[in-house]
Amino acid sequence: MFKQIFIVNRAYLSYRNNSMIVKNDAGATPICLDDIDIVIIENQQTTLTSSLLSHLALANIVVIFVDERHIPSALSLGLYKNSRTAKIQRSQINLSKPKYNL
């Protein structure tokens, strides 16, 4: 299951070892890029590194920036999307029904 990451407090977001590192007053938390579907930045004091934005785009992870009224104001998408989500959805649709031994 993919995670939707909401950044609501001031934070510093960076990239390391295929993970997004979220640094704030509470410490640093790594989140594996393979587990992320979308990142929503709701705090205008959040800082992102260009390396993180590049790796998020390569991993086909959407980043949405919202304004002070919580309305989306910008969107970051990768130019060369992979089909990770579509592949997973197709494989789930094609799963056979479980067979029970009666």
PDB file of N, CA and C in Angstrom:
ATOM      1  N   MET A   1       0.850  -1.180   0.000  1.00  0.00           N
ATOM      2  CA  MET A   1       0.000   0.000   0.000  1.00  0.00           C
ATOM      3  C   MET A   1       0.890   1.235   0.000  1.00  0.00           C
ATOM      4  N   PHE A   2       0.561   2.184  -0.833  1.00  0.00           N
ATOM      5  CA  PHE A   2       1.364   3.382  -0.940  1.00  0.00           C
ATOM      6  C   PHE A   2       0.871   4.448   0.017  1.00  0.00           C
ATOM      7  N   LYS A   3       1.808   5.255   0.466  1.00  0.00           N
ATOM      8  CA  LYS A   3       1.506   6.284   1.458  1.00  0.00           C
ATOM      9  C   LYS A   3       1.276   7.633   0.800  1.00  0.00           C
ATOM     10  N   GLN A   4       0.380   8.386   1.388  1.00  0.00           N
ATOM     11  CA  GLN A   4       0.195   9.783   1.035  1.00  0.00           C
ATOM     12  C   GLN A   4       0.836  10.580   2.153  1.00  0.00           C
ATOM     13  N   ILE A   5       1.864  11.341   1.827  1.00  0.00           N
ATOM     14  CA  ILE A   5       2.623  12.079   2.829  1.00  0.00           C
ATOM     15  C   ILE A   5       2.142  13.529   2.846  1.00  0.00           C
ATOM     16  N   PHE A   6       1.687  13.984   4.011  1.00  0.00           N
ATOM     17  CA  PHE A   6       1.256  15.365   4.198  1.00  0.00           C
ATOM     18  C   PHE A   6       2.275  16.060   5.091  1.00  0.00           C
ATOM     19  N   ILE A   7       2.873  17.131   4.600  1.00  0.00           N
ATOM     20  CA  ILE A   7       3.806  17.927   5.392  1.00  0.00           C
ATOM     21  C   ILE A   7       3.043  19.168   5.847  1.00  0.00           C
ATOM     22  N   VAL A   8       2.657  19.186   7.125  1.00  0.00           N
ATOM     23  CA  VAL A   8       1.831  20.289   7.630  1.00  0.00           C
ATOM     24  C   VAL A   8       2.613  21.252   8.518  1.00  0.00           C
ATOM     25  N   ASN A   9       3.761  20.836   9.024  1.00  0.00           N
ATOM     26  CA  ASN A   9       4.607  21.703   9.846  1.00  0.00           C
ATOM     27  C   ASN A   9       5.898  21.997   9.097  1.00  0.00           C
ATOM     28  N   ARG A  10       6.601  23.027   9.538  1.00  0.00           N
ATOM     29  CA  ARG A  10       7.872  23.383   8.906  1.00  0.00           C
ATOM     30  C   ARG A  10       8.820  22.192   8.977  1.00  0.00           C
ATOM     31  N   ALA A  11       9.452  21.886   7.838  1.00  0.00           N
ATOM     32  CA  ALA A  11      10.362  20.746   7.776  1.00  0.00           C
ATOM     33  C   ALA A  11      11.403  20.983   6.689  1.00  0.00           C
ATOM     34  N   TYR A  12      12.473  20.190   6.765  1.00  0.00           N
ATOM     35  CA  TYR A  12      13.519  20.191   5.749  1.00  0.00           C
ATOM     36  C   TYR A  12      13.490  18.807   5.114  1.00  0.00           C
ATOM     37  N   LEU A  13      13.196  18.736   3.822  1.00  0.00           N
ATOM     38  CA  LEU A  13      13.073  17.464   3.122  1.00  0.00           C
ATOM     39  C   LEU A  13      14.279  17.266   2.216  1.00  0.00           C
ATOM     40  N   SER A  14      14.912  16.107   2.346  1.00  0.00           N
ATOM     41  CA  SER A  14      16.087  15.811   1.529  1.00  0.00           C
ATOM     42  C   SER A  14      16.045  14.347   1.097  1.00  0.00           C
ATOM     43  N   TYR A  15      17.040  13.954   0.295  1.00  0.00           N
ATOM     44  CA  TYR A  15      17.114  12.596  -0.245  1.00  0.00           C
ATOM     45  C   TYR A  15      18.372  11.898   0.258  1.00  0.00           C
ATOM     46  N   ARG A  16      18.209  10.622   0.646  1.00  0.00           N
ATOM     47  CA  ARG A  16      19.364   9.795   1.006  1.00  0.00           C
ATOM     48  C   ARG A  16      18.962   8.328   0.910  1.00  0.00           C
ATOM     49  N   ASN A  17      19.752   7.538   0.211  1.00  0.00           N
ATOM     50  CA  ASN A  17      19.579   6.085   0.134  1.00  0.00           C
ATOM     51  C   ASN A  17      18.162   5.668  -0.246  1.00  0.00           C
ATOM     52  N   ASN A  18      17.657   6.197  -1.340  1.00  0.00           N
ATOM     53  CA  ASN A  18      16.314   5.891  -1.837  1.00  0.00           C
ATOM     54  C   ASN A  18      15.217   6.220  -0.823  1.00  0.00           C
ATOM     55  N   SER A  19      15.461   7.212   0.012  1.00  0.00           N
ATOM     56  CA  SER A  19      14.476   7.628   1.011  1.00  0.00           C
ATOM     57  C   SER A  19      14.347   9.144   1.037  1.00  0.00           C
ATOM     58  N   MET A  20      13.144   9.596   1.368  1.00  0.00           N
ATOM     59  CA  MET A  20      12.924  11.008   1.646  1.00  0.00           C
ATOM     60  C   MET A  20      13.142  11.184   3.138  1.00  0.00           C
ATOM     61  N   ILE A  21      14.044  12.085   3.502  1.00  0.00           N
ATOM     62  CA  ILE A  21      14.337  12.350   4.905  1.00  0.00           C
ATOM     63  C   ILE A  21      13.567  13.602   5.314  1.00  0.00           C
ATOM     64  N   VAL A  22      12.715  13.450   6.320  1.00  0.00           N
ATOM     65  CA  VAL A  22      11.922  14.570   6.836  1.00  0.00           C
ATOM     66  C   VAL A  22      12.540  14.996   8.159  1.00  0.00           C
ATOM     67  N   LYS A  23      13.172  16.185   8.165  1.00  0.00           N
ATOM     68  CA  LYS A  23      13.787  16.710   9.389  1.00  0.00           C
ATOM     69  C   LYS A  23      12.919  17.837   9.931  1.00  0.00           C
ATOM     70  N   ASN A  24      12.609  17.729  11.219  1.00  0.00           N
ATOM     71  CA  ASN A  24      11.860  18.794  11.893  1.00  0.00           C
ATOM     72  C   ASN A  24      12.327  18.868  13.338  1.00  0.00           C
ATOM     73  N   ASP A  25      11.607  19.580  14.175  1.00  0.00           N
ATOM     74  CA  ASP A  25      12.018  19.741  15.570  1.00  0.00           C
ATOM     75  C   ASP A  25      12.060  18.418  16.326  1.00  0.00           C
ATOM     76  N   ALA A  26      11.285  17.442  15.881  1.00  0.00           N
ATOM     77  CA  ALA A  26      11.226  16.145  16.562  1.00  0.00           C
ATOM     78  C   ALA A  26      12.364  15.214  16.151  1.00  0.00           C
ATOM     79  N   GLY A  27      13.091  15.539  15.081  1.00  0.00           N
ATOM     80  CA  GLY A  27      14.181  14.689  14.615  1.00  0.00           C
ATOM     81  C   GLY A  27      14.064  14.435  13.122  1.00  0.00           C
ATOM     82  N   ALA A  28      14.731  13.380  12.662  1.00  0.00           N
ATOM     83  CA  ALA A  28      14.738  13.027  11.241  1.00  0.00           C
ATOM     84  C   ALA A  28      14.049  11.681  11.040  1.00  0.00           C
ATOM     85  N   THR A  29      13.162  11.632  10.055  1.00  0.00           N
ATOM     86  CA  THR A  29      12.420  10.410   9.757  1.00  0.00           C
ATOM     87  C   THR A  29      12.620  10.049   8.293  1.00  0.00           C
ATOM     88  N   PRO A  30      13.179   8.864   8.004  1.00  0.00           N
ATOM     89  CA  PRO A  30      13.298   8.437   6.608  1.00  0.00           C
ATOM     90  C   PRO A  30      12.015   7.733   6.153  1.00  0.00           C
ATOM     91  N   ILE A  31      11.621   7.996   4.911  1.00  0.00           N
ATOM     92  CA  ILE A  31      10.475   7.314   4.306  1.00  0.00           C
ATOM     93  C   ILE A  31      10.936   6.803   2.948  1.00  0.00           C
ATOM     94  N   CYS A  32      10.886   5.506   2.751  1.00  0.00           N
ATOM     95  CA  CYS A  32      11.349   4.893   1.508  1.00  0.00           C
ATOM     96  C   CYS A  32      10.512   5.388   0.328  1.00  0.00           C
ATOM     97  N   LEU A  33      11.178   5.780  -0.757  1.00  0.00           N
ATOM     98  CA  LEU A  33      10.465   6.281  -1.926  1.00  0.00           C
ATOM     99  C   LEU A  33       9.550   5.222  -2.532  1.00  0.00           C
ATOM    100  N   ASP A  34       9.896   3.950  -2.384  1.00  0.00           N
ATOM    101  CA  ASP A  34       9.074   2.876  -2.933  1.00  0.00           C
ATOM    102  C   ASP A  34       7.699   2.808  -2.276  1.00  0.00           C
ATOM    103  N   ASP A  35       7.571   3.401  -1.096  1.00  0.00           N
ATOM    104  CA  ASP A  35       6.308   3.363  -0.357  1.00  0.00           C
ATOM    105  C   ASP A  35       5.451   4.607  -0.556  1.00  0.00           C
ATOM    106  N   ILE A  36       5.952   5.593  -1.282  1.00  0.00           N
ATOM    107  CA  ILE A  36       5.259   6.878  -1.406  1.00  0.00           C
ATOM    108  C   ILE A  36       4.538   6.961  -2.747  1.00  0.00           C
ATOM    109  N   ASP A  37       3.298   7.423  -2.706  1.00  0.00           N
ATOM    110  CA  ASP A  37       2.538   7.663  -3.924  1.00  0.00           C
ATOM    111  C   ASP A  37       2.437   9.154  -4.225  1.00  0.00           C
ATOM    112  N   ILE A  38       2.251   9.967  -3.183  1.00  0.00           N
ATOM    113  CA  ILE A  38       2.075  11.402  -3.361  1.00  0.00           C
ATOM    114  C   ILE A  38       2.590  12.131  -2.124  1.00  0.00           C
ATOM    115  N   VAL A  39       3.156  13.319  -2.334  1.00  0.00           N
ATOM    116  CA  VAL A  39       3.601  14.184  -1.231  1.00  0.00           C
ATOM    117  C   VAL A  39       2.854  15.506  -1.370  1.00  0.00           C
ATOM    118  N   ILE A  40       2.212  15.921  -0.285  1.00  0.00           N
ATOM    119  CA  ILE A  40       1.489  17.189  -0.283  1.00  0.00           C
ATOM    120  C   ILE A  40       2.151  18.112   0.727  1.00  0.00           C
ATOM    121  N   ILE A  41       2.638  19.251   0.242  1.00  0.00           N
ATOM    122  CA  ILE A  41       3.324  20.230   1.082  1.00  0.00           C
ATOM    123  C   ILE A  41       2.316  21.309   1.463  1.00  0.00           C
ATOM    124  N   GLU A  42       1.907  21.314   2.721  1.00  0.00           N
ATOM    125  CA  GLU A  42       0.900  22.274   3.186  1.00  0.00           C
ATOM    126  C   GLU A  42       1.504  23.431   3.972  1.00  0.00           C
ATOM    127  N   ASN A  43       2.809  23.428   4.179  1.00  0.00           N
ATOM    128  CA  ASN A  43       3.452  24.485   4.954  1.00  0.00           C
ATOM    129  C   ASN A  43       4.420  25.231   4.049  1.00  0.00           C
ATOM    130  N   GLN A  44       4.270  26.529   3.951  1.00  0.00           N
ATOM    131  CA  GLN A  44       5.106  27.311   3.049  1.00  0.00           C
ATOM    132  C   GLN A  44       6.506  27.557   3.593  1.00  0.00           C
ATOM    133  N   GLN A  45       6.798  27.113   4.798  1.00  0.00           N
ATOM    134  CA  GLN A  45       8.144  27.229   5.355  1.00  0.00           C
ATOM    135  C   GLN A  45       8.929  25.926   5.205  1.00  0.00           C
ATOM    136  N   THR A  46       8.412  24.990   4.442  1.00  0.00           N
ATOM    137  CA  THR A  46       9.093  23.729   4.193  1.00  0.00           C
ATOM    138  C   THR A  46      10.133  23.921   3.094  1.00  0.00           C
ATOM    139  N   THR A  47      11.303  23.325   3.281  1.00  0.00           N
ATOM    140  CA  THR A  47      12.392  23.401   2.314  1.00  0.00           C
ATOM    141  C   THR A  47      12.624  22.024   1.711  1.00  0.00           C
ATOM    142  N   LEU A  48      12.758  21.961   0.382  1.00  0.00           N
ATOM    143  CA  LEU A  48      13.050  20.718  -0.325  1.00  0.00           C
ATOM    144  C   LEU A  48      14.348  20.883  -1.097  1.00  0.00           C
ATOM    145  N   THR A  49      15.142  19.826  -1.161  1.00  0.00           N
ATOM    146  CA  THR A  49      16.360  19.878  -1.966  1.00  0.00           C
ATOM    147  C   THR A  49      16.023  19.516  -3.414  1.00  0.00           C
ATOM    148  N   SER A  50      16.818  20.024  -4.334  1.00  0.00           N
ATOM    149  CA  SER A  50      16.600  19.695  -5.745  1.00  0.00           C
ATOM    150  C   SER A  50      16.872  18.215  -6.004  1.00  0.00           C
ATOM    151  N   SER A  51      17.776  17.628  -5.246  1.00  0.00           N
ATOM    152  CA  SER A  51      18.037  16.194  -5.375  1.00  0.00           C
ATOM    153  C   SER A  51      16.787  15.388  -5.035  1.00  0.00           C
ATOM    154  N   LEU A  52      16.097  15.766  -3.968  1.00  0.00           N
ATOM    155  CA  LEU A  52      14.867  15.063  -3.602  1.00  0.00           C
ATOM    156  C   LEU A  52      13.817  15.226  -4.696  1.00  0.00           C
ATOM    157  N   LEU A  53      13.616  16.444  -5.189  1.00  0.00           N
ATOM    158  CA  LEU A  53      12.620  16.662  -6.242  1.00  0.00           C
ATOM    159  C   LEU A  53      12.928  15.823  -7.477  1.00  0.00           C
ATOM    160  N   SER A  54      14.199  15.726  -7.831  1.00  0.00           N
ATOM    161  CA  SER A  54      14.601  14.928  -8.982  1.00  0.00           C
ATOM    162  C   SER A  54      14.291  13.449  -8.767  1.00  0.00           C
ATOM    163  N   HIS A  55      14.642  12.925  -7.592  1.00  0.00           N
ATOM    164  CA  HIS A  55      14.387  11.510  -7.307  1.00  0.00           C
ATOM    165  C   HIS A  55      12.895  11.213  -7.175  1.00  0.00           C
ATOM    166  N   LEU A  56      12.122  12.142  -6.640  1.00  0.00           N
ATOM    167  CA  LEU A  56      10.672  11.956  -6.577  1.00  0.00           C
ATOM    168  C   LEU A  56      10.092  11.881  -7.988  1.00  0.00           C
ATOM    169  N   ALA A  57      10.560  12.743  -8.879  1.00  0.00           N
ATOM    170  CA  ALA A  57      10.078  12.731 -10.262  1.00  0.00           C
ATOM    171  C   ALA A  57      10.450  11.427 -10.960  1.00  0.00           C
ATOM    172  N   LEU A  58      11.677  10.959 -10.764  1.00  0.00           N
ATOM    173  CA  LEU A  58      12.109   9.706 -11.382  1.00  0.00           C
ATOM    174  C   LEU A  58      11.313   8.516 -10.866  1.00  0.00           C
ATOM    175  N   ALA A  59      10.859   8.589  -9.626  1.00  0.00           N
ATOM    176  CA  ALA A  59      10.065   7.511  -9.030  1.00  0.00           C
ATOM    177  C   ALA A  59       8.574   7.685  -9.305  1.00  0.00           C
ATOM    178  N   ASN A  60       8.222   8.667 -10.129  1.00  0.00           N
ATOM    179  CA  ASN A  60       6.827   8.939 -10.485  1.00  0.00           C
ATOM    180  C   ASN A  60       5.976   9.286  -9.268  1.00  0.00           C
ATOM    181  N   ILE A  61       6.541  10.059  -8.367  1.00  0.00           N
ATOM    182  CA  ILE A  61       5.836  10.501  -7.165  1.00  0.00           C
ATOM    183  C   ILE A  61       5.407  11.951  -7.379  1.00  0.00           C
ATOM    184  N   VAL A  62       4.124  12.193  -7.254  1.00  0.00           N
ATOM    185  CA  VAL A  62       3.561  13.527  -7.448  1.00  0.00           C
ATOM    186  C   VAL A  62       3.807  14.365  -6.196  1.00  0.00           C
ATOM    187  N   VAL A  63       4.194  15.618  -6.392  1.00  0.00           N
ATOM    188  CA  VAL A  63       4.342  16.560  -5.280  1.00  0.00           C
ATOM    189  C   VAL A  63       3.381  17.719  -5.536  1.00  0.00           C
ATOM    190  N   ILE A  64       2.524  17.997  -4.551  1.00  0.00           N
ATOM    191  CA  ILE A  64       1.562  19.091  -4.658  1.00  0.00           C
ATOM    192  C   ILE A  64       1.888  20.124  -3.591  1.00  0.00           C
ATOM    193  N   PHE A  65       1.959  21.379  -4.008  1.00  0.00           N
ATOM    194  CA  PHE A  65       2.185  22.489  -3.084  1.00  0.00           C
ATOM    195  C   PHE A  65       0.873  23.246  -2.938  1.00  0.00           C
ATOM    196  N   VAL A  66       0.494  23.562  -1.710  1.00  0.00           N
ATOM    197  CA  VAL A  66      -0.750  24.300  -1.488  1.00  0.00           C
ATOM    198  C   VAL A  66      -0.440  25.682  -0.930  1.00  0.00           C
ATOM    199  N   ASP A  67      -1.383  26.603  -1.110  1.00  0.00           N
ATOM    200  CA  ASP A  67      -1.187  27.961  -0.610  1.00  0.00           C
ATOM    201  C   ASP A  67      -1.710  28.086   0.818  1.00  0.00           C
ATOM    202  N   GLU A  68      -1.744  29.312   1.315  1.00  0.00           N
ATOM    203  CA  GLU A  68      -2.149  29.537   2.710  1.00  0.00           C
ATOM    204  C   GLU A  68      -3.623  29.215   2.950  1.00  0.00           C
ATOM    205  N   ARG A  69      -4.411  29.102   1.870  1.00  0.00           N
ATOM    206  CA  ARG A  69      -5.826  28.728   1.999  1.00  0.00           C
ATOM    207  C   ARG A  69      -6.035  27.231   1.774  1.00  0.00           C
ATOM    208  N   HIS A  70      -4.939  26.482   1.685  1.00  0.00           N
ATOM    209  CA  HIS A  70      -4.941  25.031   1.467  1.00  0.00           C
ATOM    210  C   HIS A  70      -5.518  24.648   0.105  1.00  0.00           C
ATOM    211  N   ILE A  71      -5.314  25.520  -0.868  1.00  0.00           N
ATOM    212  CA  ILE A  71      -5.723  25.250  -2.239  1.00  0.00           C
ATOM    213  C   ILE A  71      -4.462  24.927  -3.038  1.00  0.00           C
ATOM    214  N   PRO A  72      -4.451  23.844  -3.818  1.00  0.00           N
ATOM    215  CA  PRO A  72      -3.259  23.510  -4.602  1.00  0.00           C
ATOM    216  C   PRO A  72      -2.832  24.673  -5.490  1.00  0.00           C
ATOM    217  N   SER A  73      -1.538  24.994  -5.426  1.00  0.00           N
ATOM    218  CA  SER A  73      -1.022  26.107  -6.219  1.00  0.00           C
ATOM    219  C   SER A  73       0.058  25.675  -7.206  1.00  0.00           C
ATOM    220  N   ALA A  74       0.678  24.519  -6.983  1.00  0.00           N
ATOM    221  CA  ALA A  74       1.715  24.026  -7.896  1.00  0.00           C
ATOM    222  C   ALA A  74       1.762  22.507  -7.820  1.00  0.00           C
ATOM    223  N   LEU A  75       2.275  21.921  -8.902  1.00  0.00           N
ATOM    224  CA  LEU A  75       2.313  20.473  -9.022  1.00  0.00           C
ATOM    225  C   LEU A  75       3.634  20.074  -9.656  1.00  0.00           C
ATOM    226  N   SER A  76       4.268  19.055  -9.120  1.00  0.00           N
ATOM    227  CA  SER A  76       5.513  18.545  -9.683  1.00  0.00           C
ATOM    228  C   SER A  76       5.278  17.116 -10.162  1.00  0.00           C
ATOM    229  N   LEU A  77       5.505  16.900 -11.463  1.00  0.00           N
ATOM    230  CA  LEU A  77       5.340  15.583 -12.073  1.00  0.00           C
ATOM    231  C   LEU A  77       6.612  15.220 -12.817  1.00  0.00           C
ATOM    232  N   GLY A  78       6.915  13.944 -12.876  1.00  0.00           N
ATOM    233  CA  GLY A  78       8.043  13.493 -13.668  1.00  0.00           C
ATOM    234  C   GLY A  78       7.709  13.549 -15.154  1.00  0.00           C
ATOM    235  N   LEU A  79       8.682  13.866 -15.993  1.00  0.00           N
ATOM    236  CA  LEU A  79       8.450  13.917 -17.433  1.00  0.00           C
ATOM    237  C   LEU A  79       8.383  12.529 -18.046  1.00  0.00           C
ATOM    238  N   TYR A  80       9.136  11.599 -17.506  1.00  0.00           N
ATOM    239  CA  TYR A  80       9.186  10.243 -18.031  1.00  0.00           C
ATOM    240  C   TYR A  80       8.649   9.310 -16.969  1.00  0.00           C
ATOM    241  N   LYS A  81       7.352   9.173 -16.952  1.00  0.00           N
ATOM    242  CA  LYS A  81       6.706   8.389 -15.902  1.00  0.00           C
ATOM    243  C   LYS A  81       6.928   6.903 -16.135  1.00  0.00           C
ATOM    244  N   ASN A  82       7.103   6.197 -15.036  1.00  0.00           N
ATOM    245  CA  ASN A  82       7.078   4.746 -15.129  1.00  0.00           C
ATOM    246  C   ASN A  82       5.656   4.311 -14.824  1.00  0.00           C
ATOM    247  N   SER A  83       5.387   3.047 -14.936  1.00  0.00           N
ATOM    248  CA  SER A  83       4.014   2.581 -14.751  1.00  0.00           C
ATOM    249  C   SER A  83       3.909   1.677 -13.529  1.00  0.00           C
ATOM    250  N   ARG A  84       4.571   2.042 -12.453  1.00  0.00           N
ATOM    251  CA  ARG A  84       4.567   1.232 -11.236  1.00  0.00           C
ATOM    252  C   ARG A  84       3.154   1.001 -10.729  1.00  0.00           C
ATOM    253  N   THR A  85       2.378   2.050 -10.585  1.00  0.00           N
ATOM    254  CA  THR A  85       1.026   1.914 -10.055  1.00  0.00           C
ATOM    255  C   THR A  85       0.148   1.124 -11.010  1.00  0.00           C
ATOM    256  N   ALA A  86       0.251   1.397 -12.294  1.00  0.00           N
ATOM    257  CA  ALA A  86      -0.560   0.674 -13.274  1.00  0.00           C
ATOM    258  C   ALA A  86      -0.217  -0.809 -13.288  1.00  0.00           C
ATOM    259  N   LYS A  87       1.067  -1.150 -13.176  1.00  0.00           N
ATOM    260  CA  LYS A  87       1.470  -2.557 -13.148  1.00  0.00           C
ATOM    261  C   LYS A  87       0.878  -3.270 -11.943  1.00  0.00           C
ATOM    262  N   ILE A  88       0.924  -2.624 -10.804  1.00  0.00           N
ATOM    263  CA  ILE A  88       0.383  -3.234  -9.585  1.00  0.00           C
ATOM    264  C   ILE A  88      -1.126  -3.409  -9.712  1.00  0.00           C
ATOM    265  N   GLN A  89      -1.811  -2.410 -10.232  1.00  0.00           N
ATOM    266  CA  GLN A  89      -3.261  -2.519 -10.398  1.00  0.00           C
ATOM    267  C   GLN A  89      -3.623  -3.629 -11.373  1.00  0.00           C
ATOM    268  N   ARG A  90      -2.886  -3.742 -12.485  1.00  0.00           N
ATOM    269  CA  ARG A  90      -3.162  -4.817 -13.445  1.00  0.00           C
ATOM    270  C   ARG A  90      -2.936  -6.183 -12.821  1.00  0.00           C
ATOM    271  N   SER A  91      -1.853  -6.335 -12.066  1.00  0.00           N
ATOM    272  CA  SER A  91      -1.587  -7.640 -11.456  1.00  0.00           C
ATOM    273  C   SER A  91      -2.634  -7.986 -10.402  1.00  0.00           C
ATOM    274  N   GLN A  92      -3.149  -6.990  -9.678  1.00  0.00           N
ATOM    275  CA  GLN A  92      -4.201  -7.257  -8.704  1.00  0.00           C
ATOM    276  C   GLN A  92      -5.505  -7.650  -9.394  1.00  0.00           C
ATOM    277  N   ILE A  93      -5.807  -7.017 -10.512  1.00  0.00           N
ATOM    278  CA  ILE A  93      -7.019  -7.362 -11.259  1.00  0.00           C
ATOM    279  C   ILE A  93      -6.926  -8.777 -11.802  1.00  0.00           C
ATOM    280  N   ASN A  94      -5.738  -9.182 -12.222  1.00  0.00           N
ATOM    281  CA  ASN A  94      -5.553 -10.492 -12.832  1.00  0.00           C
ATOM    282  C   ASN A  94      -5.366 -11.622 -11.831  1.00  0.00           C
ATOM    283  N   LEU A  95      -5.393 -11.319 -10.553  1.00  0.00           N
ATOM    284  CA  LEU A  95      -5.270 -12.382  -9.560  1.00  0.00           C
ATOM    285  C   LEU A  95      -6.447 -13.332  -9.676  1.00  0.00           C
ATOM    286  N   SER A  96      -6.152 -14.609  -9.569  1.00  0.00           N
ATOM    287  CA  SER A  96      -7.251 -15.573  -9.623  1.00  0.00           C
ATOM    288  C   SER A  96      -7.967 -15.602  -8.280  1.00  0.00           C
ATOM    289  N   LYS A  97      -9.206 -16.045  -8.328  1.00  0.00           N
ATOM    290  CA  LYS A  97      -9.972 -16.149  -7.091  1.00  0.00           C
ATOM    291  C   LYS A  97      -9.403 -17.292  -6.266  1.00  0.00           C
ATOM    292  N   PRO A  98      -9.397 -17.147  -4.939  1.00  0.00           N
ATOM    293  CA  PRO A  98      -8.862 -18.224  -4.108  1.00  0.00           C
ATOM    294  C   PRO A  98      -9.703 -19.489  -4.247  1.00  0.00           C
ATOM    295  N   LYS A  99      -9.018 -20.603  -4.249  1.00  0.00           N
ATOM    296  CA  LYS A  99      -9.699 -21.898  -4.337  1.00  0.00           C
ATOM    297  C   LYS A  99      -9.671 -22.537  -2.961  1.00  0.00           C
ATOM    298  N   TYR A 100     -10.815 -22.969  -2.548  1.00  0.00           N
ATOM    299  CA  TYR A 100     -10.933 -23.556  -1.221  1.00  0.00           C
ATOM    300  C   TYR A 100     -11.110 -25.066  -1.342  1.00  0.00           C
ATOM    301  N   ASN A 101     -10.466 -25.776  -0.457  1.00  0.00           N
ATOM    302  CA  ASN A 101     -10.660 -27.223  -0.380  1.00  0.00           C
ATOM    303  C   ASN A 101     -11.865 -27.484   0.502  1.00  0.00           C
ATOM    304  N   LEU A 102     -12.923 -27.958  -0.092  1.00  0.00           N
ATOM    305  CA  LEU A 102     -14.146 -28.214   0.678  1.00  0.00           C
ATOM    306  C   LEU A 102     -14.233 -29.653   1.082  1.00  0.00           C
TER     307      LEU A 102
END
